[in-house]
Amino acid sequence: SSDLPEDRWSRVQKRLEEIAAFGVPAIWVVDPYAREAWTSCDGQMVHAADGVLRCAELDLELNIAEVLPEE
């Protein structure tokens, strides 16, 4: 099995689909090493380029700095 970044990301996406199938309305994926995050609401991954995780359906917002370790 390949361990290329693309391979790892496809495994993450498959896992997100499994989680969403259980009825989870919002999924936040945080990469603490790259200090980046993505939001999945209604099955679409959206990069939190502005540093804020959001889910409009649940009226949720969280600055990723609040969940990342200090630099």
Protein backbone atom coordinates (compact mmCIF):
# COMPACT_ATOMS: atom_id res chain seq x y z
CA SER A 1 0.00 0.00 0.00
CA SER A 2 1.25 3.44 -0.95
CA ASP A 3 1.79 6.05 1.72
CA LEU A 4 1.71 9.07 -0.57
CA PRO A 5 -0.16 12.17 0.67
CA GLU A 6 -2.87 11.57 -1.96
CA ASP A 7 -3.38 8.06 -0.63
CA ARG A 8 -3.70 9.27 2.95
CA TRP A 9 -6.18 11.98 1.91
CA SER A 10 -8.35 9.47 0.05
CA ARG A 11 -8.44 7.34 3.21
CA VAL A 12 -9.49 10.41 5.22
CA GLN A 13 -12.25 11.17 2.71
CA LYS A 14 -13.52 7.59 2.88
CA ARG A 15 -13.60 7.78 6.68
CA LEU A 16 -15.48 11.09 6.53
CA GLU A 17 -18.10 9.50 4.29
CA GLU A 18 -18.50 6.68 6.83
CA ILE A 19 -18.89 9.17 9.69
CA ALA A 20 -21.42 11.26 7.74
CA ALA A 21 -23.43 8.09 7.01
CA PHE A 22 -24.04 7.82 10.76
CA GLY A 23 -25.81 11.18 10.61
CA VAL A 24 -23.02 13.39 11.96
CA PRO A 25 -23.99 16.87 10.70
CA ALA A 26 -20.57 18.56 10.83
CA ILE A 27 -17.05 17.19 10.68
CA TRP A 28 -13.95 19.28 11.24
CA VAL A 29 -10.56 18.00 10.13
CA VAL A 30 -7.52 19.72 11.65
CA ASP A 31 -3.91 19.19 10.60
CA PRO A 32 -1.89 20.48 13.57
CA TYR A 33 1.43 20.20 11.71
CA ALA A 34 0.37 22.30 8.72
CA ARG A 35 -1.89 24.41 10.98
CA GLU A 36 -4.75 24.03 8.51
CA ALA A 37 -8.32 22.84 8.80
CA TRP A 38 -11.28 21.77 6.71
CA THR A 39 -15.00 21.67 7.38
CA SER A 40 -17.39 19.06 6.06
CA CYS A 41 -21.05 20.00 6.27
CA ASP A 42 -23.45 18.29 3.87
CA GLY A 43 -20.65 16.12 2.46
CA GLN A 44 -18.42 18.78 0.95
CA MET A 45 -14.94 19.49 2.29
CA VAL A 46 -14.19 23.21 2.50
CA HIS A 47 -10.73 24.52 3.38
CA ALA A 48 -10.89 26.94 6.32
CA ALA A 49 -8.53 29.34 4.57
CA ASP A 50 -9.45 32.20 6.92
CA GLY A 51 -8.69 30.07 9.99
CA VAL A 52 -12.32 29.67 11.07
CA LEU A 53 -14.19 26.35 11.12
CA ARG A 54 -17.86 26.87 10.28
CA CYS A 55 -21.12 25.01 9.93
CA ALA A 56 -23.96 27.36 9.05
CA GLU A 57 -26.59 24.63 9.53
CA LEU A 58 -25.65 24.35 13.21
CA ASP A 59 -24.69 28.02 13.64
CA LEU A 60 -21.17 26.98 14.74
CA GLU A 61 -17.89 28.82 14.33
CA LEU A 62 -14.52 28.10 15.91
CA ASN A 63 -11.18 29.73 15.30
CA ILE A 64 -8.66 26.95 14.61
CA ALA A 65 -6.14 28.71 16.86
CA GLU A 66 -8.33 27.60 19.76
CA VAL A 67 -7.70 23.92 19.02
CA LEU A 68 -4.12 24.04 17.76
CA PRO A 69 -1.14 23.60 20.07
CA GLU A 70 0.86 26.74 20.78
CA GLU A 71 3.74 27.34 18.39
